[in-house]
Amino acid sequence: MTSQSWAPNSFFNGSMNYLGANLRTAALEGHPWWKAAYYVFCIGIGVMVTISPDWTAHLGLLEARINIALLVAGILVPYYGFIYEVAEGDMPAEASITMDMVGNFIRASAIWGVALKARAKG
């Protein structure tokens, strides 16, 4: 990787970590050009807000609408893909929940409940 391509790749590959938070757009994972356009859009919004503070509310609303649409798409697209695979008879994976896991979950939940009640009593 050359030094000229390091910065754009570091910025647009979705693995940016800022104070421990992974900044990425899950809905655009397989589409690097759309992801780059989204990041350029967000940077443009930041520049416009800095240049013209009077437009902050309108630009914030626009960016929020796009972010919400991407969040919804990031959840619904994989969900509908999974439903389509199941409807076609292609089970993506076997059920991985066993009775041991259910028992462990029940025991952990009971312990958590007892600890919560004990803590509430003080």
C-alpha atoms as a PDB file:
ATOM      1  CA  MET A   1       0.000   0.000   0.000  1.00  0.00           C
ATOM      2  CA  THR A   2       1.437   3.341  -0.987  1.00  0.00           C
ATOM      3  CA  SER A   3       1.458   6.369   1.236  1.00  0.00           C
ATOM      4  CA  GLN A   4      -1.060   8.100  -1.051  1.00  0.00           C
ATOM      5  CA  SER A   5      -3.610   5.311  -0.643  1.00  0.00           C
ATOM      6  CA  TRP A   6      -3.073   4.714   3.071  1.00  0.00           C
ATOM      7  CA  ALA A   7      -5.157   7.675   4.298  1.00  0.00           C
ATOM      8  CA  PRO A   8      -8.214   7.071   2.084  1.00  0.00           C
ATOM      9  CA  ASN A   9      -8.138   3.349   2.812  1.00  0.00           C
ATOM     10  CA  SER A  10      -7.795   3.991   6.522  1.00  0.00           C
ATOM     11  CA  PHE A  11     -10.647   6.455   6.429  1.00  0.00           C
ATOM     12  CA  PHE A  12     -13.109   4.668   4.156  1.00  0.00           C
ATOM     13  CA  ASN A  13     -12.610   1.027   5.085  1.00  0.00           C
ATOM     14  CA  GLY A  14     -14.969   1.271   8.040  1.00  0.00           C
ATOM     15  CA  SER A  15     -12.506   0.177  10.692  1.00  0.00           C
ATOM     16  CA  MET A  16     -12.000   3.618  12.179  1.00  0.00           C
ATOM     17  CA  ASN A  17     -11.992   3.570  15.953  1.00  0.00           C
ATOM     18  CA  TYR A  18     -12.665   6.791  17.790  1.00  0.00           C
ATOM     19  CA  LEU A  19     -12.485   6.551  21.570  1.00  0.00           C
ATOM     20  CA  GLY A  20     -13.282   2.845  21.372  1.00  0.00           C
ATOM     21  CA  ALA A  21     -16.340   3.255  19.138  1.00  0.00           C
ATOM     22  CA  ASN A  22     -16.214   1.593  15.735  1.00  0.00           C
ATOM     23  CA  LEU A  23     -17.439   4.164  13.231  1.00  0.00           C
ATOM     24  CA  ARG A  24     -18.883   2.290  10.295  1.00  0.00           C
ATOM     25  CA  THR A  25     -22.008   1.991   8.227  1.00  0.00           C
ATOM     26  CA  ALA A  26     -23.201  -1.598   8.332  1.00  0.00           C
ATOM     27  CA  ALA A  27     -25.675  -1.085   5.491  1.00  0.00           C
ATOM     28  CA  LEU A  28     -22.853  -0.063   3.141  1.00  0.00           C
ATOM     29  CA  GLU A  29     -20.373  -2.823   4.032  1.00  0.00           C
ATOM     30  CA  GLY A  30     -20.242  -4.362   0.562  1.00  0.00           C
ATOM     31  CA  HIS A  31     -20.340  -1.068  -1.315  1.00  0.00           C
ATOM     32  CA  PRO A  32     -17.085   0.883  -0.904  1.00  0.00           C
ATOM     33  CA  TRP A  33     -18.074   3.689  -3.294  1.00  0.00           C
ATOM     34  CA  TRP A  34     -21.385   4.294  -1.539  1.00  0.00           C
ATOM     35  CA  LYS A  35     -19.562   4.237   1.801  1.00  0.00           C
ATOM     36  CA  ALA A  36     -17.024   6.775   0.523  1.00  0.00           C
ATOM     37  CA  ALA A  37     -19.854   8.972  -0.772  1.00  0.00           C
ATOM     38  CA  TYR A  38     -21.578   8.770   2.622  1.00  0.00           C
ATOM     39  CA  TYR A  39     -18.412   9.808   4.455  1.00  0.00           C
ATOM     40  CA  VAL A  40     -17.816  12.659   2.020  1.00  0.00           C
ATOM     41  CA  PHE A  41     -21.441  13.725   2.575  1.00  0.00           C
ATOM     42  CA  CYS A  42     -20.934  13.732   6.356  1.00  0.00           C
ATOM     43  CA  ILE A  43     -17.744  15.737   6.062  1.00  0.00           C
ATOM     44  CA  GLY A  44     -19.547  18.138   3.724  1.00  0.00           C
ATOM     45  CA  ILE A  45     -22.322  18.578   6.292  1.00  0.00           C
ATOM     46  CA  GLY A  46     -19.691  19.390   8.920  1.00  0.00           C
ATOM     47  CA  VAL A  47     -18.055  21.946   6.657  1.00  0.00           C
ATOM     48  CA  MET A  48     -21.401  23.540   5.763  1.00  0.00           C
ATOM     49  CA  VAL A  49     -22.385  23.810   9.431  1.00  0.00           C
ATOM     50  CA  THR A  50     -19.064  25.473  10.170  1.00  0.00           C
ATOM     51  CA  ILE A  51     -19.435  27.919   7.278  1.00  0.00           C
ATOM     52  CA  SER A  52     -23.123  28.696   7.748  1.00  0.00           C
ATOM     53  CA  PRO A  53     -24.361  28.073  11.314  1.00  0.00           C
ATOM     54  CA  ASP A  54     -27.840  29.291  10.344  1.00  0.00           C
ATOM     55  CA  TRP A  55     -28.353  26.069   8.372  1.00  0.00           C
ATOM     56  CA  THR A  56     -27.399  23.786  11.267  1.00  0.00           C
ATOM     57  CA  ALA A  57     -30.948  22.647  12.072  1.00  0.00           C
ATOM     58  CA  HIS A  58     -31.817  21.875   8.446  1.00  0.00           C
ATOM     59  CA  LEU A  59     -28.552  20.096   7.715  1.00  0.00           C
ATOM     60  CA  GLY A  60     -28.760  18.155  10.973  1.00  0.00           C
ATOM     61  CA  LEU A  61     -32.261  17.001  10.084  1.00  0.00           C
ATOM     62  CA  LEU A  62     -31.095  15.901   6.636  1.00  0.00           C
ATOM     63  CA  GLU A  63     -28.150  13.983   8.070  1.00  0.00           C
ATOM     64  CA  ALA A  64     -30.347  12.402  10.750  1.00  0.00           C
ATOM     65  CA  ARG A  65     -32.829  11.195   8.124  1.00  0.00           C
ATOM     66  CA  ILE A  66     -30.049   9.585   6.115  1.00  0.00           C
ATOM     67  CA  ASN A  67     -28.523   8.003   9.221  1.00  0.00           C
ATOM     68  CA  ILE A  68     -31.876   6.545  10.283  1.00  0.00           C
ATOM     69  CA  ALA A  69     -32.485   5.200   6.780  1.00  0.00           C
ATOM     70  CA  LEU A  70     -29.062   3.535   6.818  1.00  0.00           C
ATOM     71  CA  LEU A  71     -29.698   2.060  10.264  1.00  0.00           C
ATOM     72  CA  VAL A  72     -33.020   0.616   9.127  1.00  0.00           C
ATOM     73  CA  ALA A  73     -31.464  -0.715   5.926  1.00  0.00           C
ATOM     74  CA  GLY A  74     -28.576  -2.198   7.909  1.00  0.00           C
ATOM     75  CA  ILE A  75     -31.042  -4.194   9.981  1.00  0.00           C
ATOM     76  CA  LEU A  76     -33.715  -5.069   7.430  1.00  0.00           C
ATOM     77  CA  VAL A  77     -31.546  -6.066   4.459  1.00  0.00           C
ATOM     78  CA  PRO A  78     -29.742  -8.907   6.297  1.00  0.00           C
ATOM     79  CA  TYR A  79     -33.010  -9.916   7.978  1.00  0.00           C
ATOM     80  CA  TYR A  80     -34.885 -10.196   4.689  1.00  0.00           C
ATOM     81  CA  GLY A  81     -31.914 -12.004   3.160  1.00  0.00           C
ATOM     82  CA  PHE A  82     -32.086 -14.554   5.969  1.00  0.00           C
ATOM     83  CA  ILE A  83     -35.861 -14.937   5.553  1.00  0.00           C
ATOM     84  CA  TYR A  84     -35.385 -15.453   1.804  1.00  0.00           C
ATOM     85  CA  GLU A  85     -32.763 -18.152   2.392  1.00  0.00           C
ATOM     86  CA  VAL A  86     -35.029 -19.975   4.841  1.00  0.00           C
ATOM     87  CA  ALA A  87     -38.012 -19.700   2.475  1.00  0.00           C
ATOM     88  CA  GLU A  88     -35.919 -21.218  -0.329  1.00  0.00           C
ATOM     89  CA  GLY A  89     -35.052 -24.145   1.912  1.00  0.00           C
ATOM     90  CA  ASP A  90     -31.427 -23.164   2.395  1.00  0.00           C
ATOM     91  CA  MET A  91     -30.911 -23.119   6.127  1.00  0.00           C
ATOM     92  CA  PRO A  92     -27.929 -20.785   6.632  1.00  0.00           C
ATOM     93  CA  ALA A  93     -26.814 -22.540   9.811  1.00  0.00           C
ATOM     94  CA  GLU A  94     -27.991 -25.220  12.149  1.00  0.00           C
ATOM     95  CA  ALA A  95     -29.681 -24.191  15.356  1.00  0.00           C
ATOM     96  CA  SER A  96     -26.863 -23.762  17.823  1.00  0.00           C
ATOM     97  CA  ILE A  97     -28.912 -23.525  21.018  1.00  0.00           C
ATOM     98  CA  THR A  98     -28.607 -26.665  23.130  1.00  0.00           C
ATOM     99  CA  MET A  99     -30.293 -27.682  26.357  1.00  0.00           C
ATOM    100  CA  ASP A 100     -27.028 -27.047  28.207  1.00  0.00           C
ATOM    101  CA  MET A 101     -27.065 -23.471  26.970  1.00  0.00           C
ATOM    102  CA  VAL A 102     -30.685 -23.037  28.084  1.00  0.00           C
ATOM    103  CA  GLY A 103     -29.829 -24.430  31.526  1.00  0.00           C
ATOM    104  CA  ASN A 104     -26.833 -22.112  31.832  1.00  0.00           C
ATOM    105  CA  PHE A 105     -28.985 -19.150  30.826  1.00  0.00           C
ATOM    106  CA  ILE A 106     -31.630 -20.014  33.443  1.00  0.00           C
ATOM    107  CA  ARG A 107     -28.993 -20.436  36.178  1.00  0.00           C
ATOM    108  CA  ALA A 108     -27.270 -17.173  35.241  1.00  0.00           C
ATOM    109  CA  SER A 109     -30.608 -15.357  35.179  1.00  0.00           C
ATOM    110  CA  ALA A 110     -31.533 -16.699  38.609  1.00  0.00           C
ATOM    111  CA  ILE A 111     -28.160 -15.654  40.059  1.00  0.00           C
ATOM    112  CA  TRP A 112     -28.513 -12.216  38.482  1.00  0.00           C
ATOM    113  CA  GLY A 113     -32.037 -11.854  39.927  1.00  0.00           C
ATOM    114  CA  VAL A 114     -30.944 -12.841  43.424  1.00  0.00           C
ATOM    115  CA  ALA A 115     -27.953 -10.482  43.278  1.00  0.00           C
ATOM    116  CA  LEU A 116     -30.156  -7.626  42.067  1.00  0.00           C
ATOM    117  CA  LYS A 117     -32.670  -8.133  44.889  1.00  0.00           C
ATOM    118  CA  ALA A 118     -29.876  -8.370  47.466  1.00  0.00           C
ATOM    119  CA  ARG A 119     -28.337  -5.165  46.177  1.00  0.00           C
ATOM    120  CA  ALA A 120     -31.731  -3.393  46.207  1.00  0.00           C
ATOM    121  CA  LYS A 121     -32.229  -4.251  49.882  1.00  0.00           C
ATOM    122  CA  GLY A 122     -28.899  -2.619  50.598  1.00  0.00           C
END
